[in-house]
Amino acid sequence: GLEAGAADYVSKPYSPALLKARIATQLKLAENARLAQQYRDAIHLLGTAGQGQDADTGAHIWRMAVYARVLAEAVGWSPQQAQTLQDAAPLHDAGKIAVPGSILQKPDSLDEHERSVVRQHPQAGHDLLRHGRGPVFQLAAEIALHHHECWDGSGYPDGLSGDAIPESARIVAVADVFDALCGRRAYKAPWTVEDAMRKLDSMAGKQLEPRLVQHFHEALPQILQIKDAWESPAA
């Protein structure tokens, strides 16, 4: 019965045609579930690959993606749109798979050539992700290309400013900065939430959109609940 794990049942008496149709439906549902899992696996693989050997950022890309969803809903995205953003956000640095590990893991400051190599990763990520099927990969390609653009036009690769930067990338930028500041890295201790929020305020109007920073302030209680849940040991 349903209690034993059945997904459907056919009342007696039943026709062979009805039974065949029900079986076909259940097989289709099973296939869709299998494809959905493969889709999630691909996102996880690409998102993780974009972090290279940096174990410190392992949880960062998944946590900041949840923050991005919360911020998206705060500025009017539908729950479905915000969930698509959460699924796409971990892929924002997928283009870093094209950057040599010796550069990504270099403990010292990068030289001019190395910086130019790193600055190619948004385009590399876009070129990789735009071939993916479905809304998640298309949104991920958009975010990958534009997440280093700045509100004042000082970013890269295209020097876009203001509303010319896709809102998806503007949202991810805020979530990314906050979580990076609050996270532990080999080269720094975690910032306090208060210091991180002050930093966001100082970046508003420069790197970040002021409206989104304000909405992030307003959503902070929910953000902190998520942060605490990630940092608490599993029960």
Protein backbone atom coordinates (compact mmCIF):
# COMPACT_ATOMS: atom_id res chain seq x y z
CA GLY A 1 0.00 0.00 0.00
CA LEU A 2 0.93 3.68 0.11
CA GLU A 3 2.34 3.18 3.60
CA ALA A 4 4.83 0.68 2.17
CA GLY A 5 6.11 3.18 -0.36
CA ALA A 6 3.74 2.83 -3.30
CA ALA A 7 3.33 6.02 -5.34
CA ASP A 8 -0.09 5.21 -6.79
CA TYR A 9 -2.77 2.56 -6.85
CA VAL A 10 -5.50 1.43 -9.23
CA SER A 11 -8.92 0.50 -7.88
CA LYS A 12 -10.53 -2.72 -8.98
CA PRO A 13 -11.94 -3.44 -11.44
CA TYR A 14 -9.39 -1.86 -13.78
CA SER A 15 -8.83 -1.94 -17.51
CA PRO A 16 -5.52 -2.95 -19.12
CA ALA A 17 -5.39 0.46 -20.82
CA LEU A 18 -5.74 2.29 -17.51
CA LEU A 19 -3.10 0.10 -15.89
CA LYS A 20 -0.72 0.70 -18.80
CA ALA A 21 -1.27 4.46 -18.56
CA ARG A 22 -0.64 4.48 -14.80
CA ILE A 23 2.55 2.46 -15.21
CA ALA A 24 3.75 4.81 -17.94
CA THR A 25 3.08 7.79 -15.68
CA GLN A 26 5.05 6.31 -12.79
CA LEU A 27 7.95 5.39 -15.06
CA LYS A 28 8.00 8.96 -16.37
CA LEU A 29 8.02 10.34 -12.82
CA ALA A 30 10.89 8.03 -11.90
CA GLU A 31 12.84 9.11 -14.98
CA ASN A 32 12.25 12.79 -14.19
CA ALA A 33 13.48 12.24 -10.64
CA ARG A 34 16.59 10.50 -11.95
CA LEU A 35 17.31 13.34 -14.38
CA ALA A 36 16.72 15.92 -11.65
CA GLN A 37 19.30 14.18 -9.46
CA GLN A 38 21.79 14.11 -12.32
CA TYR A 39 21.12 17.83 -12.84
CA ARG A 40 21.86 18.55 -9.18
CA ASP A 41 24.97 16.38 -9.34
CA ALA A 42 26.25 18.36 -12.34
CA ILE A 43 25.70 21.65 -10.52
CA HIS A 44 27.53 20.34 -7.46
CA LEU A 45 30.44 19.09 -9.56
CA LEU A 46 30.88 22.33 -11.48
CA GLY A 47 30.45 24.49 -8.40
CA THR A 48 33.04 22.51 -6.46
CA ALA A 49 35.44 22.38 -9.40
CA GLY A 50 35.37 26.16 -9.61
CA GLN A 51 36.86 26.35 -6.12
CA GLY A 52 39.97 24.39 -7.10
CA GLN A 53 41.88 23.03 -4.12
CA ASP A 54 40.61 25.65 -1.71
CA ALA A 55 38.95 23.60 1.01
CA ASP A 56 38.21 26.75 3.00
CA THR A 57 35.61 27.82 0.44
CA GLY A 58 33.88 24.44 0.33
CA ALA A 59 30.77 25.48 2.26
CA HIS A 60 30.95 29.10 1.13
CA ILE A 61 29.43 28.64 -2.31
CA TRP A 62 26.44 26.73 -0.98
CA ARG A 63 25.81 29.00 2.00
CA MET A 64 26.06 32.22 0.01
CA ALA A 65 23.62 30.74 -2.50
CA VAL A 66 21.00 30.46 0.25
CA TYR A 67 21.68 34.07 1.24
CA ALA A 68 21.20 35.05 -2.40
CA ARG A 69 17.80 33.33 -2.46
CA VAL A 70 16.69 35.20 0.67
CA LEU A 71 17.81 38.53 -0.80
CA ALA A 72 16.12 37.78 -4.12
CA GLU A 73 12.81 37.12 -2.38
CA ALA A 74 13.28 40.31 -0.34
CA VAL A 75 13.41 42.38 -3.54
CA GLY A 76 10.38 40.75 -5.12
CA TRP A 77 11.53 37.61 -6.90
CA SER A 78 9.00 34.79 -6.79
CA PRO A 79 9.92 31.74 -4.70
CA GLN A 80 10.48 29.74 -7.88
CA GLN A 81 12.73 32.41 -9.39
CA ALA A 82 14.64 32.75 -6.13
CA GLN A 83 15.15 28.98 -5.95
CA THR A 84 16.53 28.99 -9.49
CA LEU A 85 18.96 31.70 -8.37
CA GLN A 86 20.01 29.60 -5.38
CA ASP A 87 20.66 26.65 -7.69
CA ALA A 88 22.65 28.81 -10.12
CA ALA A 89 24.68 30.89 -7.66
CA PRO A 90 27.20 28.17 -6.66
CA LEU A 91 28.40 28.13 -10.28
CA HIS A 92 29.45 31.79 -10.32
CA ASP A 93 33.15 30.92 -10.17
CA ALA A 94 33.01 27.88 -12.46
CA GLY A 95 35.36 29.69 -14.85
CA LYS A 96 38.17 29.34 -12.32
CA ILE A 97 38.70 25.81 -13.58
CA ALA A 98 40.53 27.56 -16.43
CA VAL A 99 42.88 29.33 -13.99
CA PRO A 100 46.04 27.43 -13.01
CA GLY A 101 46.06 26.19 -9.45
CA SER A 102 49.45 27.80 -8.93
CA ILE A 103 47.74 31.17 -9.32
CA LEU A 104 44.60 30.39 -7.32
CA GLN A 105 46.64 29.02 -4.43
CA LYS A 106 49.46 31.56 -4.50
CA PRO A 107 49.93 32.87 -0.94
CA ASP A 108 51.53 36.13 -2.07
CA SER A 109 50.11 39.01 -4.09
CA LEU A 110 49.51 38.28 -7.76
CA ASP A 111 51.62 40.01 -10.37
CA GLU A 112 50.08 41.85 -13.32
CA HIS A 113 50.09 38.81 -15.61
CA GLU A 114 48.52 36.60 -12.96
CA ARG A 115 45.80 39.15 -12.28
CA SER A 116 45.01 39.29 -15.98
CA VAL A 117 44.63 35.51 -16.02
CA VAL A 118 42.26 35.57 -13.04
CA ARG A 119 40.20 38.32 -14.66
CA GLN A 120 39.45 35.98 -17.55
CA HIS A 121 37.43 33.59 -15.38
CA PRO A 122 34.06 35.36 -15.75
CA GLN A 123 34.15 34.94 -19.52
CA ALA A 124 35.44 31.38 -19.18
CA GLY A 125 32.59 30.53 -16.82
CA HIS A 126 30.02 32.07 -19.13
CA ASP A 127 31.39 30.20 -22.14
CA LEU A 128 31.19 26.94 -20.21
CA LEU A 129 27.75 27.38 -18.66
CA ARG A 130 25.86 28.91 -21.58
CA HIS A 131 25.85 25.55 -23.32
CA GLY A 132 23.89 23.98 -20.46
CA ARG A 133 20.22 23.29 -20.92
CA GLY A 134 17.56 24.70 -18.68
CA PRO A 135 17.02 27.91 -16.72
CA VAL A 136 19.55 27.15 -14.00
CA PHE A 137 22.51 26.95 -16.36
CA GLN A 138 21.37 29.97 -18.36
CA LEU A 139 21.07 32.06 -15.21
CA ALA A 140 24.38 30.68 -13.95
CA ALA A 141 26.05 31.79 -17.20
CA GLU A 142 24.69 35.31 -16.70
CA ILE A 143 25.92 35.44 -13.10
CA ALA A 144 29.32 34.01 -13.96
CA LEU A 145 29.90 36.68 -16.59
CA HIS A 146 28.81 39.66 -14.50
CA HIS A 147 29.47 38.91 -10.81
CA HIS A 148 32.66 41.03 -10.81
CA GLU A 149 30.97 44.07 -12.33
CA CYS A 150 30.64 46.99 -9.90
CA TRP A 151 27.74 49.35 -9.36
CA ASP A 152 29.98 52.35 -10.15
CA GLY A 153 31.37 50.82 -13.36
CA SER A 154 34.81 49.98 -12.00
CA GLY A 155 34.45 46.21 -12.34
CA TYR A 156 35.16 43.70 -15.06
CA PRO A 157 35.00 42.22 -17.68
CA ASP A 158 32.80 44.84 -19.39
CA GLY A 159 32.84 47.79 -17.00
CA LEU A 160 29.05 47.77 -16.69
CA SER A 161 27.42 50.03 -14.12
CA GLY A 162 24.09 50.39 -12.34
CA ASP A 163 21.09 48.64 -13.78
CA ALA A 164 23.10 47.52 -16.81
CA ILE A 165 24.43 44.78 -14.54
CA PRO A 166 21.90 41.92 -14.37
CA GLU A 167 20.10 41.90 -11.03
CA SER A 168 21.02 38.24 -10.55
CA ALA A 169 24.71 39.14 -10.50
CA ARG A 170 24.13 42.15 -8.25
CA ILE A 171 22.33 39.96 -5.71
CA VAL A 172 25.01 37.27 -5.76
CA ALA A 173 27.72 39.91 -5.30
CA VAL A 174 26.18 41.08 -2.00
CA ALA A 175 25.69 37.54 -0.69
CA ASP A 176 29.18 36.54 -1.81
CA VAL A 177 30.92 39.44 -0.06
CA PHE A 178 29.05 38.95 3.21
CA ASP A 179 29.77 35.24 3.43
CA ALA A 180 33.40 35.64 2.38
CA LEU A 181 33.94 38.20 5.14
CA CYS A 182 32.24 36.08 7.80
CA GLY A 183 33.98 32.89 6.74
CA ARG A 184 37.30 31.57 7.97
CA ARG A 185 40.17 31.46 5.51
CA ALA A 186 43.75 30.28 5.81
CA TYR A 187 44.85 33.91 5.67
CA LYS A 188 42.21 35.50 7.94
CA ALA A 189 39.91 34.93 10.88
CA PRO A 190 36.15 35.33 10.42
CA TRP A 191 34.84 38.87 10.64
CA THR A 192 32.05 39.63 13.07
CA VAL A 193 28.62 40.18 11.54
CA GLU A 194 28.75 43.81 12.65
CA ASP A 195 32.08 44.42 10.90
CA ALA A 196 30.88 42.59 7.78
CA MET A 197 27.75 44.72 7.59
CA ARG A 198 29.79 47.89 8.01
CA LYS A 199 31.96 46.73 5.12
CA LEU A 200 28.87 46.17 2.96
CA ASP A 201 27.74 49.69 3.82
CA SER A 202 31.12 51.09 2.75
CA MET A 203 30.85 49.23 -0.57
CA ALA A 204 27.31 50.44 -1.29
CA GLY A 205 27.32 52.78 -4.27
CA LYS A 206 30.77 51.55 -5.28
CA GLN A 207 31.01 47.81 -5.78
CA LEU A 208 27.48 47.01 -4.57
CA GLU A 209 24.00 48.34 -5.27
CA PRO A 210 22.82 50.44 -2.29
CA ARG A 211 19.22 49.19 -2.55
CA LEU A 212 20.35 45.57 -2.24
CA VAL A 213 22.59 46.34 0.73
CA GLN A 214 19.62 47.95 2.48
CA HIS A 215 17.42 44.93 1.77
CA PHE A 216 20.20 42.69 3.08
CA HIS A 217 20.12 44.67 6.34
CA GLU A 218 16.37 44.13 6.56
CA ALA A 219 16.72 40.41 5.87
CA LEU A 220 19.58 39.99 8.34
CA PRO A 221 17.56 38.11 11.01
CA GLN A 222 16.74 35.42 8.45
CA ILE A 223 20.31 35.46 7.12
CA LEU A 224 21.69 34.90 10.62
CA GLN A 225 19.34 31.98 11.22
CA ILE A 226 20.75 30.35 8.10
CA LYS A 227 24.31 31.19 9.12
CA ASP A 228 23.80 29.67 12.57
CA ALA A 229 22.25 26.53 11.08
CA TRP A 230 25.26 26.02 8.82
CA GLU A 231 27.71 26.56 11.66
CA SER A 232 25.91 24.37 14.19
CA PRO A 233 27.01 20.71 14.35
CA ALA A 234 24.51 18.28 12.90
CA ALA A 235 22.22 16.76 15.45
